[in-house]
Amino acid sequence: MRGKSRKNFFLAIFAAVFCLTIFITPFIGSQNLDYSNVVSYLRGSENPDGIIFFDIRIPRILLAIVTGATLSLAGLIFQALLRNPLATPYTLGVSAGGALGAVLMIKLGITFSVLGFSTIQTAAFVGSLLTIILVYYLARSHKRISVHTMILAGITISYFFGAVILMLHFLADFTETRQMIRWMMGGLDIVDPDLLWKSIPVLLIAYLILFYHARMLNILSASEDTAWSKGVSVDRVQRIAFLLASLITGLVVAVSGPIGFVGLIVPHFLRMVLGVDHRYLIPGSLFAGGAFLAICDTFARTIISPVDIPVGIITAILGGPFFLWILVRKG
């Protein structure tokens, strides 16, 4: 099996796993649910299983899928633009920027709401977006992006923001410190369904625009010189891709907190299976990323049930060794 048929085959597998994840994972948890009770709830019969399924688990699974798909796609885009498998929204400082914004609002105790998003969520979104924009402009040299400068800028800013966060921890009281630490772990256990529905239209538009630029990303991921020679507007594609990848990352970080390594593990695995064609990688990253985080979250809430482990801990445990494996493999 070669070429398009092989890619279509694996893409179909990812889509099937994605669908199975949606149907199976909501039934798994600290309390086993009866399928017949869930069905009867749809017919108007009130019962605990139906309430747990539709009001708690379905919103959480959907958030896991949307978050995983988005982080995976953002990682894929950054890696394509920088031609570096280690480039992710988090190695570029997005996590640190969002965390600083959230922690700062927790310490200041400011309360407001923007389109239904809380103070902490709004600050995390703005912090994530401003950080990646800053890194982007620091890395531009002679109208081109310096890959090494961008990664180093992201790491440097992450360390600086980390120091500021530690200072805020030091100045915070017990309640504030606990809230800061819990948010920075990243999790899907506190979900406002309204925020999910408000985010999905924006994310879908971004997905479609990025897929529209898939061919240009193929050329750009080879080299900028090749892209220029083929008539690709490199600056325009880079700006659009960076802006959208940053926007969608900031949005999911605001809702779920900093969940790391999804944008590293999934895109790298997909390239080994699907190759380098972004016409397959983009939908593949949505399917595989969504299923991956939903499965990780299911594992997080059942491994020591009824205790609910933040899913960011699970992805970090998986992602740390994977990151080292990439370094050794590339070395």
C-alpha atoms as a PDB file:
ATOM      1  CA  MET A   1       0.000   0.000   0.000  1.00  0.00           C
ATOM      2  CA  ARG A   2       1.618   3.225  -1.142  1.00  0.00           C
ATOM      3  CA  GLY A   3       0.994   6.872  -1.842  1.00  0.00           C
ATOM      4  CA  LYS A   4      -2.476   8.307  -1.506  1.00  0.00           C
ATOM      5  CA  SER A   5      -4.168   5.001  -0.707  1.00  0.00           C
ATOM      6  CA  ARG A   6      -1.873   4.473   2.295  1.00  0.00           C
ATOM      7  CA  LYS A   7      -2.475   8.007   3.568  1.00  0.00           C
ATOM      8  CA  ASN A   8      -6.224   7.710   3.077  1.00  0.00           C
ATOM      9  CA  PHE A   9      -6.183   4.382   4.911  1.00  0.00           C
ATOM     10  CA  PHE A  10      -4.431   5.784   7.981  1.00  0.00           C
ATOM     11  CA  LEU A  11      -6.529   8.947   7.896  1.00  0.00           C
ATOM     12  CA  ALA A  12      -9.651   6.756   7.938  1.00  0.00           C
ATOM     13  CA  ILE A  13      -8.244   4.867  10.936  1.00  0.00           C
ATOM     14  CA  PHE A  14      -7.660   8.137  12.805  1.00  0.00           C
ATOM     15  CA  ALA A  15     -11.207   9.248  11.979  1.00  0.00           C
ATOM     16  CA  ALA A  16     -12.595   5.914  13.211  1.00  0.00           C
ATOM     17  CA  VAL A  17     -10.627   6.128  16.474  1.00  0.00           C
ATOM     18  CA  PHE A  18     -11.864   9.705  16.863  1.00  0.00           C
ATOM     19  CA  CYS A  19     -15.499   8.626  16.492  1.00  0.00           C
ATOM     20  CA  LEU A  20     -15.080   5.636  18.814  1.00  0.00           C
ATOM     21  CA  THR A  21     -13.515   7.911  21.415  1.00  0.00           C
ATOM     22  CA  ILE A  22     -16.552  10.199  21.348  1.00  0.00           C
ATOM     23  CA  PHE A  23     -18.953   7.280  21.840  1.00  0.00           C
ATOM     24  CA  ILE A  24     -16.982   5.180  24.345  1.00  0.00           C
ATOM     25  CA  THR A  25     -15.129   7.531  26.720  1.00  0.00           C
ATOM     26  CA  PRO A  26     -18.248   9.239  28.185  1.00  0.00           C
ATOM     27  CA  PHE A  27     -19.298   5.856  29.619  1.00  0.00           C
ATOM     28  CA  ILE A  28     -15.963   5.407  31.431  1.00  0.00           C
ATOM     29  CA  GLY A  29     -15.469   6.974  34.850  1.00  0.00           C
ATOM     30  CA  SER A  30     -15.640   6.561  38.604  1.00  0.00           C
ATOM     31  CA  GLN A  31     -19.299   5.614  38.209  1.00  0.00           C
ATOM     32  CA  ASN A  32     -20.281   3.105  35.549  1.00  0.00           C
ATOM     33  CA  LEU A  33     -23.214   4.246  33.434  1.00  0.00           C
ATOM     34  CA  ASP A  34     -25.968   2.049  32.079  1.00  0.00           C
ATOM     35  CA  TYR A  35     -26.543   2.520  28.357  1.00  0.00           C
ATOM     36  CA  SER A  36     -30.283   1.911  28.683  1.00  0.00           C
ATOM     37  CA  ASN A  37     -30.565   4.655  31.312  1.00  0.00           C
ATOM     38  CA  VAL A  38     -28.771   7.105  29.027  1.00  0.00           C
ATOM     39  CA  VAL A  39     -31.144   6.259  26.173  1.00  0.00           C
ATOM     40  CA  SER A  40     -34.198   6.567  28.420  1.00  0.00           C
ATOM     41  CA  TYR A  41     -32.984   9.997  29.532  1.00  0.00           C
ATOM     42  CA  LEU A  42     -33.185  11.097  25.898  1.00  0.00           C
ATOM     43  CA  ARG A  43     -36.816   9.973  25.907  1.00  0.00           C
ATOM     44  CA  GLY A  44     -37.614  12.201  28.883  1.00  0.00           C
ATOM     45  CA  SER A  45     -37.000   9.836  31.775  1.00  0.00           C
ATOM     46  CA  GLU A  46     -34.944  11.639  34.458  1.00  0.00           C
ATOM     47  CA  ASN A  47     -32.207   9.470  35.994  1.00  0.00           C
ATOM     48  CA  PRO A  48     -28.707  10.008  37.488  1.00  0.00           C
ATOM     49  CA  ASP A  49     -26.904   8.186  34.660  1.00  0.00           C
ATOM     50  CA  GLY A  50     -28.413  10.468  32.034  1.00  0.00           C
ATOM     51  CA  ILE A  51     -27.571  13.604  33.999  1.00  0.00           C
ATOM     52  CA  ILE A  52     -23.959  12.504  34.508  1.00  0.00           C
ATOM     53  CA  PHE A  53     -23.622  11.531  30.853  1.00  0.00           C
ATOM     54  CA  PHE A  54     -25.068  14.665  29.233  1.00  0.00           C
ATOM     55  CA  ASP A  55     -24.342  17.371  31.802  1.00  0.00           C
ATOM     56  CA  ILE A  56     -20.883  16.344  32.998  1.00  0.00           C
ATOM     57  CA  ARG A  57     -19.084  13.843  30.789  1.00  0.00           C
ATOM     58  CA  ILE A  58     -20.171  14.906  27.301  1.00  0.00           C
ATOM     59  CA  PRO A  59     -19.130  18.576  27.795  1.00  0.00           C
ATOM     60  CA  ARG A  60     -15.822  17.431  29.275  1.00  0.00           C
ATOM     61  CA  ILE A  61     -15.096  14.976  26.463  1.00  0.00           C
ATOM     62  CA  LEU A  62     -15.986  17.614  23.866  1.00  0.00           C
ATOM     63  CA  LEU A  63     -13.643  20.091  25.552  1.00  0.00           C
ATOM     64  CA  ALA A  64     -10.889  17.454  25.579  1.00  0.00           C
ATOM     65  CA  ILE A  65     -11.411  16.766  21.880  1.00  0.00           C
ATOM     66  CA  VAL A  66     -11.484  20.443  20.909  1.00  0.00           C
ATOM     67  CA  THR A  67      -8.450  21.248  23.073  1.00  0.00           C
ATOM     68  CA  GLY A  68      -6.424  18.274  21.859  1.00  0.00           C
ATOM     69  CA  ALA A  69      -7.275  18.907  18.211  1.00  0.00           C
ATOM     70  CA  THR A  70      -6.386  22.586  18.500  1.00  0.00           C
ATOM     71  CA  LEU A  71      -3.085  22.097  20.323  1.00  0.00           C
ATOM     72  CA  SER A  72      -2.090  19.370  17.876  1.00  0.00           C
ATOM     73  CA  LEU A  73      -2.892  21.558  14.869  1.00  0.00           C
ATOM     74  CA  ALA A  74      -1.082  24.563  16.349  1.00  0.00           C
ATOM     75  CA  GLY A  75       2.012  22.453  16.966  1.00  0.00           C
ATOM     76  CA  LEU A  76       1.863  21.148  13.406  1.00  0.00           C
ATOM     77  CA  ILE A  77       1.663  24.684  11.994  1.00  0.00           C
ATOM     78  CA  PHE A  78       4.547  26.025  14.082  1.00  0.00           C
ATOM     79  CA  GLN A  79       6.718  23.052  13.148  1.00  0.00           C
ATOM     80  CA  ALA A  80       5.952  23.556   9.461  1.00  0.00           C
ATOM     81  CA  LEU A  81       6.701  27.273   9.532  1.00  0.00           C
ATOM     82  CA  LEU A  82       9.924  26.874  11.514  1.00  0.00           C
ATOM     83  CA  ARG A  83      10.926  23.555   9.931  1.00  0.00           C
ATOM     84  CA  ASN A  84      11.744  22.232  13.396  1.00  0.00           C
ATOM     85  CA  PRO A  85      10.027  19.233  15.069  1.00  0.00           C
ATOM     86  CA  LEU A  86      10.619  20.719  18.528  1.00  0.00           C
ATOM     87  CA  ALA A  87       8.692  23.920  17.841  1.00  0.00           C
ATOM     88  CA  THR A  88       5.367  23.913  19.672  1.00  0.00           C
ATOM     89  CA  PRO A  89       3.126  26.592  21.161  1.00  0.00           C
ATOM     90  CA  TYR A  90       4.689  25.831  24.519  1.00  0.00           C
ATOM     91  CA  THR A  91       8.373  25.836  23.582  1.00  0.00           C
ATOM     92  CA  LEU A  92       7.627  29.231  22.013  1.00  0.00           C
ATOM     93  CA  GLY A  93       6.402  30.662  25.312  1.00  0.00           C
ATOM     94  CA  VAL A  94       2.634  30.515  24.890  1.00  0.00           C
ATOM     95  CA  SER A  95       2.149  28.483  28.063  1.00  0.00           C
ATOM     96  CA  ALA A  96       4.257  30.863  30.131  1.00  0.00           C
ATOM     97  CA  GLY A  97       2.466  33.922  28.741  1.00  0.00           C
ATOM     98  CA  GLY A  98      -0.953  32.483  29.489  1.00  0.00           C
ATOM     99  CA  ALA A  99       0.137  31.360  32.950  1.00  0.00           C
ATOM    100  CA  LEU A 100       1.518  34.804  33.780  1.00  0.00           C
ATOM    101  CA  GLY A 101      -1.715  36.484  32.723  1.00  0.00           C
ATOM    102  CA  ALA A 102      -3.829  34.073  34.772  1.00  0.00           C
ATOM    103  CA  VAL A 103      -1.598  34.164  37.856  1.00  0.00           C
ATOM    104  CA  LEU A 104      -1.448  37.958  37.769  1.00  0.00           C
ATOM    105  CA  MET A 105      -5.240  38.230  37.772  1.00  0.00           C
ATOM    106  CA  ILE A 106      -5.507  35.706  40.611  1.00  0.00           C
ATOM    107  CA  LYS A 107      -3.091  37.768  42.697  1.00  0.00           C
ATOM    108  CA  LEU A 108      -4.716  41.114  41.888  1.00  0.00           C
ATOM    109  CA  GLY A 109      -8.189  39.734  42.535  1.00  0.00           C
ATOM    110  CA  ILE A 110      -9.695  41.710  39.665  1.00  0.00           C
ATOM    111  CA  THR A 111     -13.103  40.479  38.516  1.00  0.00           C
ATOM    112  CA  PHE A 112     -14.765  41.121  35.171  1.00  0.00           C
ATOM    113  CA  SER A 113     -16.220  39.205  32.245  1.00  0.00           C
ATOM    114  CA  VAL A 114     -15.632  39.480  28.493  1.00  0.00           C
ATOM    115  CA  LEU A 115     -18.121  37.629  26.273  1.00  0.00           C
ATOM    116  CA  GLY A 116     -18.702  35.150  29.068  1.00  0.00           C
ATOM    117  CA  PHE A 117     -14.991  34.539  29.688  1.00  0.00           C
ATOM    118  CA  SER A 118     -13.819  35.147  33.251  1.00  0.00           C
ATOM    119  CA  THR A 119     -11.021  37.480  34.328  1.00  0.00           C
ATOM    120  CA  ILE A 120      -8.507  34.636  34.527  1.00  0.00           C
ATOM    121  CA  GLN A 121      -9.493  33.181  31.154  1.00  0.00           C
ATOM    122  CA  THR A 122      -9.357  36.569  29.434  1.00  0.00           C
ATOM    123  CA  ALA A 123      -5.953  37.360  30.950  1.00  0.00           C
ATOM    124  CA  ALA A 124      -4.616  33.935  29.943  1.00  0.00           C
ATOM    125  CA  PHE A 125      -5.813  34.434  26.366  1.00  0.00           C
ATOM    126  CA  VAL A 126      -4.293  37.911  26.091  1.00  0.00           C
ATOM    127  CA  GLY A 127      -1.041  36.760  27.720  1.00  0.00           C
ATOM    128  CA  SER A 128      -0.683  33.805  25.343  1.00  0.00           C
ATOM    129  CA  LEU A 129      -1.413  35.882  22.267  1.00  0.00           C
ATOM    130  CA  LEU A 130       0.892  38.772  23.187  1.00  0.00           C
ATOM    131  CA  THR A 131       3.732  36.384  24.008  1.00  0.00           C
ATOM    132  CA  ILE A 132       3.730  34.593  20.666  1.00  0.00           C
ATOM    133  CA  ILE A 133       3.406  37.898  18.804  1.00  0.00           C
ATOM    134  CA  LEU A 134       6.420  39.224  20.741  1.00  0.00           C
ATOM    135  CA  VAL A 135       8.429  36.089  19.958  1.00  0.00           C
ATOM    136  CA  TYR A 136       7.450  36.337  16.293  1.00  0.00           C
ATOM    137  CA  TYR A 137       8.677  39.903  15.905  1.00  0.00           C
ATOM    138  CA  LEU A 138      11.857  39.256  17.888  1.00  0.00           C
ATOM    139  CA  ALA A 139      12.689  36.436  15.468  1.00  0.00           C
ATOM    140  CA  ARG A 140      12.154  38.431  12.278  1.00  0.00           C
ATOM    141  CA  SER A 141      15.407  39.404  10.608  1.00  0.00           C
ATOM    142  CA  HIS A 142      15.555  41.080   7.197  1.00  0.00           C
ATOM    143  CA  LYS A 143      11.876  40.211   6.628  1.00  0.00           C
ATOM    144  CA  ARG A 144      12.541  36.528   7.329  1.00  0.00           C
ATOM    145  CA  ILE A 145      12.003  34.452  10.436  1.00  0.00           C
ATOM    146  CA  SER A 146      15.097  33.116  12.184  1.00  0.00           C
ATOM    147  CA  VAL A 147      14.179  29.662  13.484  1.00  0.00           C
ATOM    148  CA  HIS A 148      16.910  29.558  16.113  1.00  0.00           C
ATOM    149  CA  THR A 149      16.154  33.085  17.313  1.00  0.00           C
ATOM    150  CA  MET A 150      12.450  32.298  17.649  1.00  0.00           C
ATOM    151  CA  ILE A 151      13.016  29.161  19.723  1.00  0.00           C
ATOM    152  CA  LEU A 152      15.634  30.872  21.895  1.00  0.00           C
ATOM    153  CA  ALA A 153      13.353  33.880  22.330  1.00  0.00           C
ATOM    154  CA  GLY A 154      10.513  31.587  23.387  1.00  0.00           C
ATOM    155  CA  ILE A 155      12.706  29.779  25.911  1.00  0.00           C
ATOM    156  CA  THR A 156      14.124  33.041  27.293  1.00  0.00           C
ATOM    157  CA  ILE A 157      10.688  34.617  27.685  1.00  0.00           C
ATOM    158  CA  SER A 158       9.409  31.430  29.334  1.00  0.00           C
ATOM    159  CA  TYR A 159      12.189  31.578  31.930  1.00  0.00           C
ATOM    160  CA  PHE A 160      11.576  35.281  32.559  1.00  0.00           C
ATOM    161  CA  PHE A 161       7.831  34.826  32.936  1.00  0.00           C
ATOM    162  CA  GLY A 162       8.496  31.797  35.135  1.00  0.00           C
ATOM    163  CA  ALA A 163      10.545  33.984  37.487  1.00  0.00           C
ATOM    164  CA  VAL A 164       7.733  36.549  37.664  1.00  0.00           C
ATOM    165  CA  ILE A 165       5.228  33.759  38.382  1.00  0.00           C
ATOM    166  CA  LEU A 166       7.426  32.475  41.228  1.00  0.00           C
ATOM    167  CA  MET A 167       7.523  35.981  42.676  1.00  0.00           C
ATOM    168  CA  LEU A 168       3.724  36.186  42.524  1.00  0.00           C
ATOM    169  CA  HIS A 169       3.535  32.774  44.228  1.00  0.00           C
ATOM    170  CA  PHE A 170       5.800  34.062  46.979  1.00  0.00           C
ATOM    171  CA  LEU A 171       3.611  37.120  47.522  1.00  0.00           C
ATOM    172  CA  ALA A 172       0.315  35.199  47.386  1.00  0.00           C
ATOM    173  CA  ASP A 173      -1.618  33.829  50.339  1.00  0.00           C
ATOM    174  CA  PHE A 174      -2.544  30.152  50.727  1.00  0.00           C
ATOM    175  CA  THR A 175      -5.824  30.354  48.807  1.00  0.00           C
ATOM    176  CA  GLU A 176      -4.281  32.309  45.928  1.00  0.00           C
ATOM    177  CA  THR A 177      -1.302  29.945  45.741  1.00  0.00           C
ATOM    178  CA  ARG A 178      -3.544  26.895  45.574  1.00  0.00           C
ATOM    179  CA  GLN A 179      -5.622  28.474  42.812  1.00  0.00           C
ATOM    180  CA  MET A 180      -2.473  29.416  40.869  1.00  0.00           C
ATOM    181  CA  ILE A 181      -0.959  25.947  41.090  1.00  0.00           C
ATOM    182  CA  ARG A 182      -4.206  24.216  40.149  1.00  0.00           C
ATOM    183  CA  TRP A 183      -4.689  26.396  37.073  1.00  0.00           C
ATOM    184  CA  MET A 184      -1.096  25.870  35.901  1.00  0.00           C
ATOM    185  CA  MET A 185      -1.514  22.086  36.019  1.00  0.00           C
ATOM    186  CA  GLY A 186      -4.024  22.281  33.174  1.00  0.00           C
ATOM    187  CA  GLY A 187      -7.288  20.405  33.387  1.00  0.00           C
ATOM    188  CA  LEU A 188     -10.733  19.789  31.973  1.00  0.00           C
ATOM    189  CA  ASP A 189     -12.617  19.101  35.186  1.00  0.00           C
ATOM    190  CA  ILE A 190     -14.329  22.491  35.457  1.00  0.00           C
ATOM    191  CA  VAL A 191     -16.203  23.116  32.235  1.00  0.00           C
ATOM    192  CA  ASP A 192     -18.701  25.809  31.344  1.00  0.00           C
ATOM    193  CA  PRO A 193     -20.478  24.414  28.254  1.00  0.00           C
ATOM    194  CA  ASP A 194     -21.314  27.939  27.095  1.00  0.00           C
ATOM    195  CA  LEU A 195     -17.609  28.749  26.715  1.00  0.00           C
ATOM    196  CA  LEU A 196     -17.153  25.625  24.615  1.00  0.00           C
ATOM    197  CA  TRP A 197     -19.970  26.545  22.233  1.00  0.00           C
ATOM    198  CA  LYS A 198     -18.691  30.119  21.948  1.00  0.00           C
ATOM    199  CA  SER A 199     -15.193  28.908  21.072  1.00  0.00           C
ATOM    200  CA  ILE A 200     -16.090  26.278  18.476  1.00  0.00           C
ATOM    201  CA  PRO A 201     -17.179  28.644  15.619  1.00  0.00           C
ATOM    202  CA  VAL A 202     -13.921  30.618  15.888  1.00  0.00           C
ATOM    203  CA  LEU A 203     -11.876  27.421  15.955  1.00  0.00           C
ATOM    204  CA  LEU A 204     -13.696  25.913  12.966  1.00  0.00           C
ATOM    205  CA  ILE A 205     -13.059  29.030  10.871  1.00  0.00           C
ATOM    206  CA  ALA A 206      -9.366  28.899  11.803  1.00  0.00           C
ATOM    207  CA  TYR A 207      -9.187  25.180  10.925  1.00  0.00           C
ATOM    208  CA  LEU A 208     -10.676  25.826   7.475  1.00  0.00           C
ATOM    209  CA  ILE A 209      -8.366  28.759   6.712  1.00  0.00           C
ATOM    210  CA  LEU A 210      -5.302  26.742   7.698  1.00  0.00           C
ATOM    211  CA  PHE A 211      -6.461  23.792   5.592  1.00  0.00           C
ATOM    212  CA  TYR A 212      -6.924  26.187   2.656  1.00  0.00           C
ATOM    213  CA  HIS A 213      -3.218  27.069   2.979  1.00  0.00           C
ATOM    214  CA  ALA A 214      -2.110  23.405   3.169  1.00  0.00           C
ATOM    215  CA  ARG A 215      -0.399  23.385  -0.240  1.00  0.00           C
ATOM    216  CA  MET A 216       1.507  26.563   0.559  1.00  0.00           C
ATOM    217  CA  LEU A 217       2.545  25.105   3.907  1.00  0.00           C
ATOM    218  CA  ASN A 218       3.932  22.081   2.044  1.00  0.00           C
ATOM    219  CA  ILE A 219       6.157  24.334  -0.021  1.00  0.00           C
ATOM    220  CA  LEU A 220       7.071  26.600   2.880  1.00  0.00           C
ATOM    221  CA  SER A 221       8.024  23.680   5.118  1.00  0.00           C
ATOM    222  CA  ALA A 222      10.645  22.663   2.537  1.00  0.00           C
ATOM    223  CA  SER A 223      12.401  26.047   2.505  1.00  0.00           C
ATOM    224  CA  GLU A 224      11.580  29.721   2.170  1.00  0.00           C
ATOM    225  CA  ASP A 225      13.732  29.998  -0.960  1.00  0.00           C
ATOM    226  CA  THR A 226      11.705  27.257  -2.637  1.00  0.00           C
ATOM    227  CA  ALA A 227       8.493  28.999  -1.628  1.00  0.00           C
ATOM    228  CA  TRP A 228       9.682  32.333  -3.036  1.00  0.00           C
ATOM    229  CA  SER A 229      10.731  30.676  -6.299  1.00  0.00           C
ATOM    230  CA  LYS A 230       7.274  29.102  -6.700  1.00  0.00           C
ATOM    231  CA  GLY A 231       5.517  32.412  -6.223  1.00  0.00           C
ATOM    232  CA  VAL A 232       4.248  31.811  -2.688  1.00  0.00           C
ATOM    233  CA  SER A 233       3.723  35.008  -0.711  1.00  0.00           C
ATOM    234  CA  VAL A 234       5.872  33.839   2.185  1.00  0.00           C
ATOM    235  CA  ASP A 235       5.285  36.841   4.440  1.00  0.00           C
ATOM    236  CA  ARG A 236       1.511  36.680   4.034  1.00  0.00           C
ATOM    237  CA  VAL A 237       1.305  32.922   4.642  1.00  0.00           C
ATOM    238  CA  GLN A 238       3.582  33.167   7.671  1.00  0.00           C
ATOM    239  CA  ARG A 239       1.600  36.007   9.192  1.00  0.00           C
ATOM    240  CA  ILE A 240      -1.755  34.293   8.634  1.00  0.00           C
ATOM    241  CA  ALA A 241      -0.547  30.924   9.928  1.00  0.00           C
ATOM    242  CA  PHE A 242       1.211  32.383  12.966  1.00  0.00           C
ATOM    243  CA  LEU A 243      -1.741  34.589  13.841  1.00  0.00           C
ATOM    244  CA  LEU A 244      -4.292  31.771  13.567  1.00  0.00           C
ATOM    245  CA  ALA A 245      -2.124  29.209  15.381  1.00  0.00           C
ATOM    246  CA  SER A 246      -1.524  31.733  18.167  1.00  0.00           C
ATOM    247  CA  LEU A 247      -5.200  32.702  18.335  1.00  0.00           C
ATOM    248  CA  ILE A 248      -6.523  29.161  18.654  1.00  0.00           C
ATOM    249  CA  THR A 249      -3.799  28.214  21.151  1.00  0.00           C
ATOM    250  CA  GLY A 250      -4.585  31.220  23.314  1.00  0.00           C
ATOM    251  CA  LEU A 251      -8.270  30.365  23.186  1.00  0.00           C
ATOM    252  CA  VAL A 252      -7.886  26.787  24.426  1.00  0.00           C
ATOM    253  CA  VAL A 253      -5.266  27.776  27.013  1.00  0.00           C
ATOM    254  CA  ALA A 254      -7.743  30.317  28.379  1.00  0.00           C
ATOM    255  CA  VAL A 255     -10.437  27.656  28.770  1.00  0.00           C
ATOM    256  CA  SER A 256      -8.432  24.601  29.875  1.00  0.00           C
ATOM    257  CA  GLY A 257      -5.125  25.958  31.160  1.00  0.00           C
ATOM    258  CA  PRO A 258      -1.642  25.030  29.893  1.00  0.00           C
ATOM    259  CA  ILE A 259      -1.750  21.392  28.767  1.00  0.00           C
ATOM    260  CA  GLY A 260       1.667  20.618  27.362  1.00  0.00           C
ATOM    261  CA  PHE A 261       3.221  18.231  24.838  1.00  0.00           C
ATOM    262  CA  VAL A 262       0.082  17.519  22.782  1.00  0.00           C
ATOM    263  CA  GLY A 263       1.441  19.782  20.048  1.00  0.00           C
ATOM    264  CA  LEU A 264       4.713  17.848  20.107  1.00  0.00           C
ATOM    265  CA  ILE A 265       3.661  14.205  20.350  1.00  0.00           C
ATOM    266  CA  VAL A 266       0.775  14.082  17.866  1.00  0.00           C
ATOM    267  CA  PRO A 267       2.284  16.003  14.892  1.00  0.00           C
ATOM    268  CA  HIS A 268       5.536  14.060  15.137  1.00  0.00           C
ATOM    269  CA  PHE A 269       3.696  10.732  15.166  1.00  0.00           C
ATOM    270  CA  LEU A 270       1.526  11.806  12.222  1.00  0.00           C
ATOM    271  CA  ARG A 271       4.542  12.708  10.091  1.00  0.00           C
ATOM    272  CA  MET A 272       5.918   9.217  10.609  1.00  0.00           C
ATOM    273  CA  VAL A 273       2.623   7.728   9.412  1.00  0.00           C
ATOM    274  CA  LEU A 274       1.231  10.225   6.875  1.00  0.00           C
ATOM    275  CA  GLY A 275       4.385  11.866   5.546  1.00  0.00           C
ATOM    276  CA  VAL A 276       4.755  15.626   5.102  1.00  0.00           C
ATOM    277  CA  ASP A 277       1.670  16.547   3.061  1.00  0.00           C
ATOM    278  CA  HIS A 278      -0.360  19.027   5.107  1.00  0.00           C
ATOM    279  CA  ARG A 279      -3.520  18.180   3.166  1.00  0.00           C
ATOM    280  CA  TYR A 280      -3.462  14.955   5.189  1.00  0.00           C
ATOM    281  CA  LEU A 281      -1.609  16.184   8.269  1.00  0.00           C
ATOM    282  CA  ILE A 282      -4.107  18.944   9.122  1.00  0.00           C
ATOM    283  CA  PRO A 283      -7.226  16.719   9.294  1.00  0.00           C
ATOM    284  CA  GLY A 284      -5.094  13.960  10.796  1.00  0.00           C
ATOM    285  CA  SER A 285      -3.921  16.270  13.579  1.00  0.00           C
ATOM    286  CA  LEU A 286      -7.515  17.206  14.393  1.00  0.00           C
ATOM    287  CA  PHE A 287      -8.643  13.572  14.594  1.00  0.00           C
ATOM    288  CA  ALA A 288      -5.568  12.200  16.384  1.00  0.00           C
ATOM    289  CA  GLY A 289      -5.071  15.187  18.687  1.00  0.00           C
ATOM    290  CA  GLY A 290      -8.688  15.185  19.810  1.00  0.00           C
ATOM    291  CA  ALA A 291      -8.731  11.439  20.449  1.00  0.00           C
ATOM    292  CA  PHE A 292      -5.343  11.534  22.197  1.00  0.00           C
ATOM    293  CA  LEU A 293      -6.319  14.150  24.776  1.00  0.00           C
ATOM    294  CA  ALA A 294      -9.770  12.625  25.340  1.00  0.00           C
ATOM    295  CA  ILE A 295      -8.133   9.258  26.080  1.00  0.00           C
ATOM    296  CA  CYS A 296      -5.533  10.908  28.340  1.00  0.00           C
ATOM    297  CA  ASP A 297      -8.294  12.725  30.229  1.00  0.00           C
ATOM    298  CA  THR A 298     -10.288   9.511  30.627  1.00  0.00           C
ATOM    299  CA  PHE A 299      -7.179   7.863  32.028  1.00  0.00           C
ATOM    300  CA  ALA A 300      -6.588  10.857  34.343  1.00  0.00           C
ATOM    301  CA  ARG A 301     -10.048  10.678  35.898  1.00  0.00           C
ATOM    302  CA  THR A 302     -10.092   6.888  36.366  1.00  0.00           C
ATOM    303  CA  ILE A 303      -6.527   5.815  37.270  1.00  0.00           C
ATOM    304  CA  ILE A 304      -6.980   6.571  40.994  1.00  0.00           C
ATOM    305  CA  SER A 305     -10.742   7.068  41.010  1.00  0.00           C
ATOM    306  CA  PRO A 306     -12.492   8.966  42.503  1.00  0.00           C
ATOM    307  CA  VAL A 307      -9.519  11.370  42.565  1.00  0.00           C
ATOM    308  CA  ASP A 308      -9.376  13.474  39.391  1.00  0.00           C
ATOM    309  CA  ILE A 309      -5.778  13.996  38.207  1.00  0.00           C
ATOM    310  CA  PRO A 310      -5.225  17.105  36.041  1.00  0.00           C
ATOM    311  CA  VAL A 311      -4.750  15.881  32.481  1.00  0.00           C
ATOM    312  CA  GLY A 312      -1.740  18.190  32.087  1.00  0.00           C
ATOM    313  CA  ILE A 313       0.160  15.881  34.436  1.00  0.00           C
ATOM    314  CA  ILE A 314      -0.586  12.851  32.247  1.00  0.00           C
ATOM    315  CA  THR A 315       0.481  14.577  29.015  1.00  0.00           C
ATOM    316  CA  ALA A 316       3.675  15.813  30.705  1.00  0.00           C
ATOM    317  CA  ILE A 317       4.535  12.296  31.895  1.00  0.00           C
ATOM    318  CA  LEU A 318       4.096  11.029  28.328  1.00  0.00           C
ATOM    319  CA  GLY A 319       5.623  14.059  26.630  1.00  0.00           C
ATOM    320  CA  GLY A 320       8.847  14.367  28.627  1.00  0.00           C
ATOM    321  CA  PRO A 321      10.343  11.034  27.508  1.00  0.00           C
ATOM    322  CA  PHE A 322       8.982  11.598  23.986  1.00  0.00           C
ATOM    323  CA  PHE A 323      10.769  14.971  23.803  1.00  0.00           C
ATOM    324  CA  LEU A 324      14.042  13.333  24.864  1.00  0.00           C
ATOM    325  CA  TRP A 325      13.521  10.568  22.300  1.00  0.00           C
ATOM    326  CA  ILE A 326      13.193  13.167  19.541  1.00  0.00           C
ATOM    327  CA  LEU A 327      16.405  14.865  20.703  1.00  0.00           C
ATOM    328  CA  VAL A 328      18.316  11.562  20.708  1.00  0.00           C
ATOM    329  CA  ARG A 329      16.836  10.505  17.357  1.00  0.00           C
ATOM    330  CA  LYS A 330      17.677  13.817  15.692  1.00  0.00           C
ATOM    331  CA  GLY A 331      21.120  13.829  17.268  1.00  0.00           C
END
